[in-house]
C-alpha atoms as a PDB file:
ATOM      1  CA  MET A   1      20.568 -55.781 -40.292  1.00  0.00           C
ATOM      2  CA  ARG A   2      22.171 -54.981 -36.983  1.00  0.00           C
ATOM      3  CA  ARG A   3      22.849 -58.176 -35.155  1.00  0.00           C
ATOM      4  CA  LEU A   4      22.172 -58.851 -31.519  1.00  0.00           C
ATOM      5  CA  PRO A   5      25.086 -60.620 -29.832  1.00  0.00           C
ATOM      6  CA  PHE A   6      24.978 -64.368 -30.282  1.00  0.00           C
ATOM      7  CA  PHE A   7      27.549 -67.112 -30.079  1.00  0.00           C
ATOM      8  CA  THR A   8      29.076 -68.870 -33.030  1.00  0.00           C
ATOM      9  CA  ILE A   9      30.529 -72.329 -32.425  1.00  0.00           C
ATOM     10  CA  ILE A  10      32.792 -73.905 -34.967  1.00  0.00           C
ATOM     11  CA  PHE A  11      31.658 -77.515 -35.083  1.00  0.00           C
ATOM     12  CA  MET A  12      34.358 -78.577 -37.511  1.00  0.00           C
ATOM     13  CA  ILE A  13      36.727 -76.786 -39.861  1.00  0.00           C
ATOM     14  CA  VAL A  14      39.183 -78.970 -41.746  1.00  0.00           C
ATOM     15  CA  PHE A  15      41.712 -77.480 -44.084  1.00  0.00           C
ATOM     16  CA  PHE A  16      41.169 -78.878 -47.542  1.00  0.00           C
ATOM     17  CA  THR A  17      41.073 -77.710 -51.140  1.00  0.00           C
ATOM     18  CA  GLY A  18      38.497 -80.030 -52.608  1.00  0.00           C
ATOM     19  CA  CYS A  19      34.775 -80.412 -52.177  1.00  0.00           C
ATOM     20  CA  GLN A  20      32.440 -83.356 -52.404  1.00  0.00           C
ATOM     21  CA  GLN A  21      32.986 -85.333 -55.574  1.00  0.00           C
ATOM     22  CA  SER A  22      30.179 -86.988 -57.475  1.00  0.00           C
ATOM     23  CA  GLY A  23      29.432 -90.440 -56.123  1.00  0.00           C
ATOM     24  CA  LYS A  24      31.012 -89.945 -52.667  1.00  0.00           C
ATOM     25  CA  LYS A  25      28.956 -89.993 -49.499  1.00  0.00           C
ATOM     26  CA  ILE A  26      28.848 -86.819 -47.450  1.00  0.00           C
ATOM     27  CA  ASP A  27      29.872 -88.493 -44.204  1.00  0.00           C
ATOM     28  CA  GLU A  28      33.092 -89.739 -45.802  1.00  0.00           C
ATOM     29  CA  LEU A  29      34.292 -86.213 -46.482  1.00  0.00           C
ATOM     30  CA  GLN A  30      35.979 -83.468 -44.519  1.00  0.00           C
ATOM     31  CA  GLU A  31      33.595 -80.540 -44.325  1.00  0.00           C
ATOM     32  CA  PHE A  32      33.443 -76.842 -43.619  1.00  0.00           C
ATOM     33  CA  ARG A  33      30.685 -76.306 -41.056  1.00  0.00           C
ATOM     34  CA  LEU A  34      28.968 -74.025 -38.628  1.00  0.00           C
ATOM     35  CA  GLN A  35      27.084 -75.686 -35.830  1.00  0.00           C
ATOM     36  CA  GLY A  36      23.788 -74.420 -37.239  1.00  0.00           C
ATOM     37  CA  LYS A  37      22.182 -75.762 -40.403  1.00  0.00           C
ATOM     38  CA  GLY A  38      19.646 -72.958 -40.619  1.00  0.00           C
ATOM     39  CA  ILE A  39      20.221 -71.647 -44.136  1.00  0.00           C
ATOM     40  CA  LEU A  40      16.863 -71.709 -45.921  1.00  0.00           C
ATOM     41  CA  LEU A  41      15.179 -72.194 -49.293  1.00  0.00           C
ATOM     42  CA  THR A  42      12.160 -70.018 -50.093  1.00  0.00           C
ATOM     43  CA  THR A  43      10.713 -72.868 -52.124  1.00  0.00           C
ATOM     44  CA  ARG A  44      10.428 -75.071 -49.014  1.00  0.00           C
ATOM     45  CA  PHE A  45       7.697 -72.814 -47.572  1.00  0.00           C
ATOM     46  CA  THR A  46       4.071 -72.693 -48.648  1.00  0.00           C
ATOM     47  CA  SER A  47       2.862 -69.883 -46.376  1.00  0.00           C
ATOM     48  CA  PHE A  48       3.942 -67.132 -43.997  1.00  0.00           C
ATOM     49  CA  LYS A  49       2.443 -69.169 -41.148  1.00  0.00           C
ATOM     50  CA  GLU A  50       4.718 -72.061 -42.020  1.00  0.00           C
ATOM     51  CA  PHE A  51       7.758 -69.752 -42.104  1.00  0.00           C
ATOM     52  CA  LYS A  52       6.935 -68.504 -38.592  1.00  0.00           C
ATOM     53  CA  GLN A  53       7.177 -72.064 -37.319  1.00  0.00           C
ATOM     54  CA  GLU A  54      10.854 -72.003 -38.329  1.00  0.00           C
ATOM     55  CA  VAL A  55      11.736 -68.382 -37.487  1.00  0.00           C
ATOM     56  CA  GLN A  56      10.398 -66.290 -34.621  1.00  0.00           C
ATOM     57  CA  ILE A  57       9.412 -62.736 -35.642  1.00  0.00           C
ATOM     58  CA  GLU A  58       9.134 -59.782 -33.259  1.00  0.00           C
ATOM     59  CA  TYR A  59       8.166 -56.209 -34.197  1.00  0.00           C
ATOM     60  CA  SER A  60       8.987 -53.099 -32.153  1.00  0.00           C
ATOM     61  CA  GLU A  61       6.597 -51.799 -29.549  1.00  0.00           C
ATOM     62  CA  ASP A  62       8.745 -48.899 -28.355  1.00  0.00           C
ATOM     63  CA  GLY A  63       7.888 -46.298 -30.988  1.00  0.00           C
ATOM     64  CA  LYS A  64      10.898 -47.238 -33.122  1.00  0.00           C
ATOM     65  CA  SER A  65      10.688 -49.260 -36.324  1.00  0.00           C
ATOM     66  CA  TRP A  66      12.491 -52.577 -36.277  1.00  0.00           C
ATOM     67  CA  VAL A  67      11.883 -56.270 -36.758  1.00  0.00           C
ATOM     68  CA  ARG A  68      13.837 -59.061 -35.090  1.00  0.00           C
ATOM     69  CA  LEU A  69      14.130 -62.500 -36.662  1.00  0.00           C
ATOM     70  CA  THR A  70      15.365 -65.322 -34.425  1.00  0.00           C
ATOM     71  CA  GLN A  71      16.160 -68.841 -35.564  1.00  0.00           C
ATOM     72  CA  VAL A  72      17.424 -71.747 -33.482  1.00  0.00           C
ATOM     73  CA  SER A  73      19.144 -74.372 -35.603  1.00  0.00           C
ATOM     74  CA  ASN A  74      21.027 -77.431 -34.418  1.00  0.00           C
ATOM     75  CA  GLY A  75      21.979 -75.770 -31.156  1.00  0.00           C
ATOM     76  CA  GLN A  76      22.957 -72.385 -32.619  1.00  0.00           C
ATOM     77  CA  THR A  77      20.844 -69.266 -32.190  1.00  0.00           C
ATOM     78  CA  LEU A  78      20.919 -66.657 -34.935  1.00  0.00           C
ATOM     79  CA  SER A  79      19.209 -63.311 -34.404  1.00  0.00           C
ATOM     80  CA  SER A  80      18.916 -60.467 -36.900  1.00  0.00           C
ATOM     81  CA  VAL A  81      17.417 -57.008 -36.451  1.00  0.00           C
ATOM     82  CA  LEU A  82      16.356 -54.900 -39.422  1.00  0.00           C
ATOM     83  CA  ASN A  83      15.794 -51.224 -38.580  1.00  0.00           C
ATOM     84  CA  SER A  84      14.278 -48.456 -40.646  1.00  0.00           C
ATOM     85  CA  GLY A  85      16.900 -46.458 -42.540  1.00  0.00           C
ATOM     86  CA  ILE A  86      18.318 -45.633 -45.940  1.00  0.00           C
ATOM     87  CA  LYS A  87      17.638 -47.900 -48.896  1.00  0.00           C
ATOM     88  CA  GLU A  88      19.776 -49.155 -51.757  1.00  0.00           C
ATOM     89  CA  SER A  89      17.740 -46.961 -54.095  1.00  0.00           C
ATOM     90  CA  ASP A  90      18.747 -43.893 -52.015  1.00  0.00           C
ATOM     91  CA  ILE A  91      22.413 -44.745 -52.513  1.00  0.00           C
ATOM     92  CA  LEU A  92      22.042 -45.272 -56.258  1.00  0.00           C
ATOM     93  CA  LYS A  93      20.220 -41.945 -56.632  1.00  0.00           C
ATOM     94  CA  VAL A  94      22.914 -39.888 -54.943  1.00  0.00           C
ATOM     95  CA  ARG A  95      25.719 -41.785 -56.639  1.00  0.00           C
ATOM     96  CA  ASP A  96      24.796 -40.157 -59.932  1.00  0.00           C
ATOM     97  CA  GLY A  97      23.257 -37.025 -58.428  1.00  0.00           C
ATOM     98  CA  GLY A  98      24.471 -33.687 -57.161  1.00  0.00           C
ATOM     99  CA  PHE A  99      26.444 -32.620 -54.126  1.00  0.00           C
ATOM    100  CA  LEU A 100      23.384 -31.627 -52.064  1.00  0.00           C
ATOM    101  CA  GLY A 101      21.900 -35.086 -52.332  1.00  0.00           C
ATOM    102  CA  LYS A 102      25.132 -36.635 -51.114  1.00  0.00           C
ATOM    103  CA  VAL A 103      25.197 -34.278 -48.128  1.00  0.00           C
ATOM    104  CA  LYS A 104      21.611 -35.153 -47.174  1.00  0.00           C
ATOM    105  CA  LEU A 105      22.312 -38.864 -47.383  1.00  0.00           C
ATOM    106  CA  GLY A 106      25.482 -38.389 -45.340  1.00  0.00           C
ATOM    107  CA  LEU A 107      23.494 -36.726 -42.572  1.00  0.00           C
ATOM    108  CA  ARG A 108      21.058 -39.628 -42.533  1.00  0.00           C
ATOM    109  CA  SER A 109      23.807 -42.255 -42.539  1.00  0.00           C
ATOM    110  CA  PRO A 110      27.317 -41.367 -41.323  1.00  0.00           C
ATOM    111  CA  PHE A 111      28.261 -45.028 -41.868  1.00  0.00           C
ATOM    112  CA  PHE A 112      27.672 -44.566 -45.593  1.00  0.00           C
ATOM    113  CA  VAL A 113      29.971 -41.523 -45.682  1.00  0.00           C
ATOM    114  CA  MET A 114      32.761 -43.316 -43.833  1.00  0.00           C
ATOM    115  CA  ASN A 115      32.532 -46.433 -46.023  1.00  0.00           C
ATOM    116  CA  ARG A 116      31.387 -44.956 -49.337  1.00  0.00           C
ATOM    117  CA  LYS A 117      34.208 -46.347 -51.478  1.00  0.00           C
ATOM    118  CA  ASP A 118      33.935 -49.880 -50.110  1.00  0.00           C
ATOM    119  CA  ILE A 119      30.150 -49.813 -50.524  1.00  0.00           C
ATOM    120  CA  LEU A 120      30.654 -48.843 -54.163  1.00  0.00           C
ATOM    121  CA  ARG A 121      33.140 -51.700 -54.541  1.00  0.00           C
ATOM    122  CA  PHE A 122      30.491 -54.063 -53.230  1.00  0.00           C
ATOM    123  CA  PHE A 123      27.953 -52.805 -55.780  1.00  0.00           C
ATOM    124  CA  VAL A 124      30.459 -53.257 -58.602  1.00  0.00           C
ATOM    125  CA  LEU A 125      31.039 -56.873 -57.588  1.00  0.00           C
ATOM    126  CA  THR A 126      27.322 -57.639 -57.401  1.00  0.00           C
ATOM    127  CA  ARG A 127      26.637 -56.505 -60.973  1.00  0.00           C
ATOM    128  CA  ARG A 128      28.028 -57.354 -64.390  1.00  0.00           C
ATOM    129  CA  ARG A 129      30.087 -54.410 -65.624  1.00  0.00           C
ATOM    130  CA  HIS A 130      30.893 -55.140 -69.254  1.00  0.00           C
ATOM    131  CA  GLY A 131      31.853 -51.516 -69.871  1.00  0.00           C
ATOM    132  CA  ILE A 132      34.603 -51.741 -67.267  1.00  0.00           C
ATOM    133  CA  PHE A 133      35.733 -55.366 -67.377  1.00  0.00           C
ATOM    134  CA  GLY A 134      34.873 -56.271 -70.967  1.00  0.00           C
ATOM    135  CA  GLY A 135      32.489 -58.762 -72.478  1.00  0.00           C
ATOM    136  CA  GLY A 136      31.703 -61.816 -70.432  1.00  0.00           C
ATOM    137  CA  ASP A 137      32.071 -60.005 -67.098  1.00  0.00           C
ATOM    138  CA  ILE A 138      30.642 -61.967 -64.189  1.00  0.00           C
ATOM    139  CA  ALA A 139      29.161 -61.158 -60.793  1.00  0.00           C
ATOM    140  CA  PHE A 140      28.075 -63.007 -57.649  1.00  0.00           C
ATOM    141  CA  TYR A 141      24.941 -64.219 -59.441  1.00  0.00           C
ATOM    142  CA  ASP A 142      27.082 -66.106 -61.959  1.00  0.00           C
ATOM    143  CA  ILE A 143      28.915 -67.871 -59.127  1.00  0.00           C
ATOM    144  CA  ALA A 144      25.595 -68.959 -57.604  1.00  0.00           C
ATOM    145  CA  GLU A 145      24.376 -70.126 -60.993  1.00  0.00           C
ATOM    146  CA  THR A 146      27.513 -72.211 -61.442  1.00  0.00           C
ATOM    147  CA  MET A 147      27.067 -73.753 -57.995  1.00  0.00           C
ATOM    148  CA  VAL A 148      23.625 -74.971 -59.036  1.00  0.00           C
ATOM    149  CA  GLU A 149      25.202 -76.448 -62.160  1.00  0.00           C
ATOM    150  CA  ASN A 150      27.832 -78.106 -59.922  1.00  0.00           C
ATOM    151  CA  ILE A 151      25.221 -80.214 -58.102  1.00  0.00           C
ATOM    152  CA  ASN A 152      26.135 -83.728 -59.120  1.00  0.00           C
ATOM    153  CA  ALA A 153      23.938 -85.620 -61.549  1.00  0.00           C
ATOM    154  CA  THR A 154      22.833 -88.276 -59.069  1.00  0.00           C
ATOM    155  CA  ASP A 155      21.422 -85.742 -56.617  1.00  0.00           C
ATOM    156  CA  LEU A 156      20.173 -83.381 -59.307  1.00  0.00           C
ATOM    157  CA  GLY A 157      17.680 -85.967 -60.478  1.00  0.00           C
ATOM    158  CA  LYS A 158      16.180 -86.204 -56.975  1.00  0.00           C
ATOM    159  CA  ILE A 159      15.743 -82.461 -56.397  1.00  0.00           C
ATOM    160  CA  PRO A 160      12.206 -81.047 -56.848  1.00  0.00           C
ATOM    161  CA  GLU A 161      11.953 -78.756 -59.848  1.00  0.00           C
ATOM    162  CA  LYS A 162      10.863 -75.808 -57.687  1.00  0.00           C
ATOM    163  CA  ASP A 163      14.144 -75.997 -55.727  1.00  0.00           C
ATOM    164  CA  LEU A 164      16.029 -75.548 -59.007  1.00  0.00           C
ATOM    165  CA  SER A 165      14.048 -72.420 -59.866  1.00  0.00           C
ATOM    166  CA  GLU A 166      15.353 -68.891 -59.338  1.00  0.00           C
ATOM    167  CA  LYS A 167      13.917 -68.748 -55.812  1.00  0.00           C
ATOM    168  CA  GLY A 168      15.417 -72.087 -54.811  1.00  0.00           C
ATOM    169  CA  TYR A 169      19.095 -72.936 -54.473  1.00  0.00           C
ATOM    170  CA  LEU A 170      20.120 -70.141 -56.840  1.00  0.00           C
ATOM    171  CA  ASN A 171      18.775 -67.334 -54.658  1.00  0.00           C
ATOM    172  CA  THR A 172      20.027 -68.955 -51.456  1.00  0.00           C
ATOM    173  CA  PHE A 173      23.550 -69.447 -52.812  1.00  0.00           C
ATOM    174  CA  ASN A 174      23.612 -65.901 -54.224  1.00  0.00           C
ATOM    175  CA  HIS A 175      22.786 -64.258 -50.893  1.00  0.00           C
ATOM    176  CA  ALA A 176      24.999 -66.452 -48.732  1.00  0.00           C
ATOM    177  CA  ASN A 177      27.996 -66.407 -51.107  1.00  0.00           C
ATOM    178  CA  SER A 178      28.067 -62.636 -51.543  1.00  0.00           C
ATOM    179  CA  GLN A 179      27.651 -61.968 -47.828  1.00  0.00           C
ATOM    180  CA  ALA A 180      30.334 -64.520 -46.964  1.00  0.00           C
ATOM    181  CA  LEU A 181      32.946 -63.126 -49.348  1.00  0.00           C
ATOM    182  CA  MET A 182      32.218 -59.492 -48.505  1.00  0.00           C
ATOM    183  CA  THR A 183      32.326 -60.190 -44.774  1.00  0.00           C
ATOM    184  CA  ALA A 184      35.711 -61.847 -45.239  1.00  0.00           C
ATOM    185  CA  VAL A 185      37.082 -58.983 -47.373  1.00  0.00           C
ATOM    186  CA  PHE A 186      35.590 -55.926 -45.677  1.00  0.00           C
ATOM    187  CA  SER A 187      33.726 -56.574 -42.429  1.00  0.00           C
ATOM    188  CA  GLU A 188      30.536 -57.996 -41.042  1.00  0.00           C
ATOM    189  CA  ASP A 189      29.266 -54.446 -40.443  1.00  0.00           C
ATOM    190  CA  LEU A 190      29.670 -53.428 -44.067  1.00  0.00           C
ATOM    191  CA  ALA A 191      28.106 -56.632 -45.433  1.00  0.00           C
ATOM    192  CA  ASP A 192      25.291 -56.140 -42.928  1.00  0.00           C
ATOM    193  CA  PHE A 193      24.733 -52.517 -44.026  1.00  0.00           C
ATOM    194  CA  ILE A 194      24.531 -53.498 -47.700  1.00  0.00           C
ATOM    195  CA  ALA A 195      22.115 -56.334 -46.932  1.00  0.00           C
ATOM    196  CA  ASP A 196      19.866 -53.995 -44.928  1.00  0.00           C
ATOM    197  CA  THR A 197      19.693 -51.320 -47.604  1.00  0.00           C
ATOM    198  CA  HIS A 198      18.818 -53.959 -50.205  1.00  0.00           C
ATOM    199  CA  GLU A 199      16.007 -55.537 -48.183  1.00  0.00           C
ATOM    200  CA  ARG A 200      14.506 -52.153 -47.260  1.00  0.00           C
ATOM    201  CA  SER A 201      14.402 -51.262 -50.967  1.00  0.00           C
ATOM    202  CA  ASN A 202      12.679 -54.532 -51.797  1.00  0.00           C
ATOM    203  CA  MET A 203       9.933 -54.193 -49.199  1.00  0.00           C
ATOM    204  CA  PRO A 204       9.878 -51.373 -46.611  1.00  0.00           C
ATOM    205  CA  GLU A 205       6.998 -53.118 -44.810  1.00  0.00           C
ATOM    206  CA  LEU A 206       9.423 -55.778 -43.570  1.00  0.00           C
ATOM    207  CA  VAL A 207      10.300 -53.449 -40.692  1.00  0.00           C
ATOM    208  CA  THR A 208       6.736 -52.722 -39.568  1.00  0.00           C
ATOM    209  CA  GLY A 209       4.963 -55.990 -40.391  1.00  0.00           C
ATOM    210  CA  LYS A 210       2.094 -54.099 -42.021  1.00  0.00           C
ATOM    211  CA  PHE A 211       1.757 -56.296 -45.103  1.00  0.00           C
ATOM    212  CA  THR A 212      -0.918 -56.423 -47.751  1.00  0.00           C
ATOM    213  CA  THR A 213      -2.810 -59.624 -48.459  1.00  0.00           C
ATOM    214  CA  GLU A 214      -0.937 -59.890 -51.760  1.00  0.00           C
ATOM    215  CA  GLN A 215       2.476 -59.572 -50.082  1.00  0.00           C
ATOM    216  CA  LEU A 216       1.608 -62.323 -47.615  1.00  0.00           C
ATOM    217  CA  ALA A 217       0.324 -64.644 -50.331  1.00  0.00           C
ATOM    218  CA  ASP A 218       3.219 -64.142 -52.759  1.00  0.00           C
ATOM    219  CA  ILE A 219       5.764 -66.723 -51.584  1.00  0.00           C
ATOM    220  CA  LYS A 220       8.253 -66.136 -54.404  1.00  0.00           C
ATOM    221  CA  ASN A 221       8.532 -62.337 -54.110  1.00  0.00           C
ATOM    222  CA  GLY A 222       6.671 -61.381 -50.960  1.00  0.00           C
ATOM    223  CA  VAL A 223       7.212 -61.471 -47.215  1.00  0.00           C
ATOM    224  CA  VAL A 224       8.507 -65.035 -46.950  1.00  0.00           C
ATOM    225  CA  ASP A 225      11.122 -64.609 -49.682  1.00  0.00           C
ATOM    226  CA  ASN A 226      12.471 -61.384 -48.193  1.00  0.00           C
ATOM    227  CA  TYR A 227      12.653 -62.754 -44.655  1.00  0.00           C
ATOM    228  CA  VAL A 228      14.398 -65.877 -45.986  1.00  0.00           C
ATOM    229  CA  ASP A 229      16.954 -63.558 -47.608  1.00  0.00           C
ATOM    230  CA  ILE A 230      17.583 -61.816 -44.280  1.00  0.00           C
ATOM    231  CA  ILE A 231      18.226 -65.130 -42.526  1.00  0.00           C
ATOM    232  CA  ASN A 232      20.485 -66.358 -45.333  1.00  0.00           C
ATOM    233  CA  ASN A 233      22.426 -63.086 -45.273  1.00  0.00           C
ATOM    234  CA  GLU A 234      23.196 -63.705 -41.606  1.00  0.00           C
ATOM    235  CA  TRP A 235      24.369 -67.261 -42.231  1.00  0.00           C
ATOM    236  CA  GLY A 236      26.529 -65.922 -45.041  1.00  0.00           C
ATOM    237  CA  GLN A 237      28.155 -63.465 -42.650  1.00  0.00           C
ATOM    238  CA  GLU A 238      28.902 -66.255 -40.181  1.00  0.00           C
ATOM    239  CA  LEU A 239      30.503 -68.275 -42.980  1.00  0.00           C
ATOM    240  CA  GLY A 240      32.455 -65.198 -44.065  1.00  0.00           C
ATOM    241  CA  LYS A 241      33.986 -64.815 -40.619  1.00  0.00           C
ATOM    242  CA  LEU A 242      35.173 -68.415 -40.769  1.00  0.00           C
ATOM    243  CA  LEU A 243      36.614 -67.963 -44.264  1.00  0.00           C
ATOM    244  CA  GLY A 244      38.362 -64.778 -43.199  1.00  0.00           C
ATOM    245  CA  GLU A 245      39.967 -66.504 -40.238  1.00  0.00           C
ATOM    246  CA  LYS A 246      40.862 -69.674 -42.127  1.00  0.00           C
ATOM    247  CA  TYR A 247      42.564 -67.937 -45.064  1.00  0.00           C
ATOM    248  CA  GLN A 248      43.585 -64.697 -43.283  1.00  0.00           C
ATOM    249  CA  ILE A 249      41.547 -62.629 -45.752  1.00  0.00           C
ATOM    250  CA  ASN A 250      41.376 -58.850 -45.479  1.00  0.00           C
ATOM    251  CA  ARG A 251      41.189 -55.762 -47.705  1.00  0.00           C
ATOM    252  CA  GLU A 252      44.823 -56.215 -48.777  1.00  0.00           C
ATOM    253  CA  THR A 253      44.427 -59.835 -49.863  1.00  0.00           C
ATOM    254  CA  VAL A 254      45.504 -60.670 -53.417  1.00  0.00           C
ATOM    255  CA  TRP A 255      42.876 -62.960 -54.891  1.00  0.00           C
ATOM    256  CA  THR A 256      44.521 -65.852 -56.686  1.00  0.00           C
ATOM    257  CA  PRO A 257      42.445 -68.482 -58.523  1.00  0.00           C
ATOM    258  CA  GLU A 258      43.554 -70.955 -55.863  1.00  0.00           C
ATOM    259  CA  LEU A 259      42.239 -68.825 -53.004  1.00  0.00           C
ATOM    260  CA  LEU A 260      38.883 -68.174 -54.658  1.00  0.00           C
ATOM    261  CA  THR A 261      38.588 -71.867 -55.518  1.00  0.00           C
ATOM    262  CA  ASN A 262      39.231 -72.866 -51.908  1.00  0.00           C
ATOM    263  CA  CYS A 263      36.638 -70.400 -50.588  1.00  0.00           C
ATOM    264  CA  LEU A 264      33.921 -71.474 -53.011  1.00  0.00           C
ATOM    265  CA  ASN A 265      34.584 -75.151 -52.427  1.00  0.00           C
ATOM    266  CA  ASP A 266      34.354 -74.570 -48.680  1.00  0.00           C
ATOM    267  CA  LEU A 267      30.990 -72.876 -49.179  1.00  0.00           C
ATOM    268  CA  GLN A 268      29.837 -75.779 -51.335  1.00  0.00           C
ATOM    269  CA  SER A 269      30.906 -78.156 -48.593  1.00  0.00           C
ATOM    270  CA  TYR A 270      28.694 -76.307 -46.112  1.00  0.00           C
ATOM    271  CA  TYR A 271      25.735 -76.429 -48.502  1.00  0.00           C
ATOM    272  CA  SER A 272      26.453 -80.123 -49.075  1.00  0.00           C
ATOM    273  CA  TRP A 273      26.175 -80.760 -45.336  1.00  0.00           C
ATOM    274  CA  VAL A 274      23.023 -78.655 -44.905  1.00  0.00           C
ATOM    275  CA  PHE A 275      21.048 -79.903 -47.896  1.00  0.00           C
ATOM    276  CA  GLN A 276      22.578 -83.386 -48.192  1.00  0.00           C
ATOM    277  CA  ILE A 277      23.537 -82.956 -51.835  1.00  0.00           C
ATOM    278  CA  GLY A 278      26.866 -83.433 -53.600  1.00  0.00           C
ATOM    279  CA  PHE A 279      28.783 -80.961 -55.741  1.00  0.00           C
ATOM    280  CA  GLU A 280      31.460 -81.126 -58.373  1.00  0.00           C
ATOM    281  CA  PRO A 281      34.297 -78.890 -57.128  1.00  0.00           C
ATOM    282  CA  PHE A 282      35.469 -75.628 -58.608  1.00  0.00           C
ATOM    283  CA  LYS A 283      38.981 -75.694 -60.110  1.00  0.00           C
ATOM    284  CA  PRO A 284      41.565 -72.881 -60.348  1.00  0.00           C
ATOM    285  CA  SER A 285      41.566 -73.329 -64.125  1.00  0.00           C
ATOM    286  CA  ASP A 286      37.824 -72.608 -64.446  1.00  0.00           C
ATOM    287  CA  ASP A 287      37.125 -69.545 -66.595  1.00  0.00           C
ATOM    288  CA  LEU A 288      34.715 -68.191 -63.976  1.00  0.00           C
ATOM    289  CA  ILE A 289      37.343 -68.502 -61.244  1.00  0.00           C
ATOM    290  CA  ILE A 290      40.018 -66.732 -63.296  1.00  0.00           C
ATOM    291  CA  LYS A 291      37.693 -63.896 -64.325  1.00  0.00           C
ATOM    292  CA  PHE A 292      36.245 -63.246 -60.886  1.00  0.00           C
ATOM    293  CA  SER A 293      39.584 -63.341 -59.077  1.00  0.00           C
ATOM    294  CA  LYS A 294      40.899 -60.741 -61.551  1.00  0.00           C
ATOM    295  CA  LYS A 295      37.771 -58.631 -61.022  1.00  0.00           C
ATOM    296  CA  MET A 296      38.175 -58.812 -57.240  1.00  0.00           C
ATOM    297  CA  ASN A 297      41.755 -57.554 -57.480  1.00  0.00           C
ATOM    298  CA  LYS A 298      40.907 -54.735 -59.876  1.00  0.00           C
ATOM    299  CA  VAL A 299      37.970 -53.549 -57.785  1.00  0.00           C
ATOM    300  CA  MET A 300      40.038 -53.547 -54.607  1.00  0.00           C
ATOM    301  CA  GLU A 301      42.928 -51.691 -56.241  1.00  0.00           C
ATOM    302  CA  SER A 302      40.871 -48.758 -57.466  1.00  0.00           C
ATOM    303  CA  ILE A 303      37.296 -47.558 -57.533  1.00  0.00           C
ATOM    304  CA  ALA A 304      37.861 -44.536 -59.782  1.00  0.00           C
ATOM    305  CA  GLY A 305      35.518 -44.617 -62.765  1.00  0.00           C
ATOM    306  CA  MET A 306      33.611 -47.694 -61.556  1.00  0.00           C
ATOM    307  CA  ARG A 307      29.868 -47.090 -61.388  1.00  0.00           C
END
């Protein structure tokens, strides 16, 4: 989604390596924050009408196809525009197709041509690639799953079961984490492009607003869920810019277990502040941390043979 200009205010960023420990109150801890607390859970909405009370939606009236989502949260305004364009499925088709298909896609999206290798790197990181990285390979989804497991026992018992389902914290963490890390490594534009192509593949009607009754009624997989993803992608990009600045992350960064641990614990600290829940921290010795930091380095070093 192409973003309209909006300000980002850093309310508080404190350099730390830990996250909230079980049994400690949130207000006693140093936290990684944006001013806004707008990251969302699909499971907190019961209808599209209810979602529109939280997020303003505007569709194009100028002959072009776009939708603008605007959210005001705790003094911060976030605005996201999703235009018509190529879809993730288009990219996957030409990846394994012939030369002519690649040329046609290139004409439709010069950005894809210019950033093809980094886009492929992103896809490799979002999926388990056992054939490349061996058994037990992990992806962004596994990180999100572990974050849910990291919610401390005291708070876990108070969380509604629906929030612990796939469309609750797990989906929210997955979108925000991946967008944050990829914004820090590559750029906001590239993370934005990937997010757009994914959402257009899921539901092309998101751009036009011409939904079926079934799409409007299906909270878990319909309009509400996809618009929640778009908002959470934007918050993830804002977090990624802060991580990139804090740790001086770029395409040449070597991912040590310590660096990945710090980034994930910072993200957990933000979620702790937003949702008022505690987390057990990641540690550099965690198997997931070691595996994913190695995968990050290998993917960034070379893309040859990775599909």
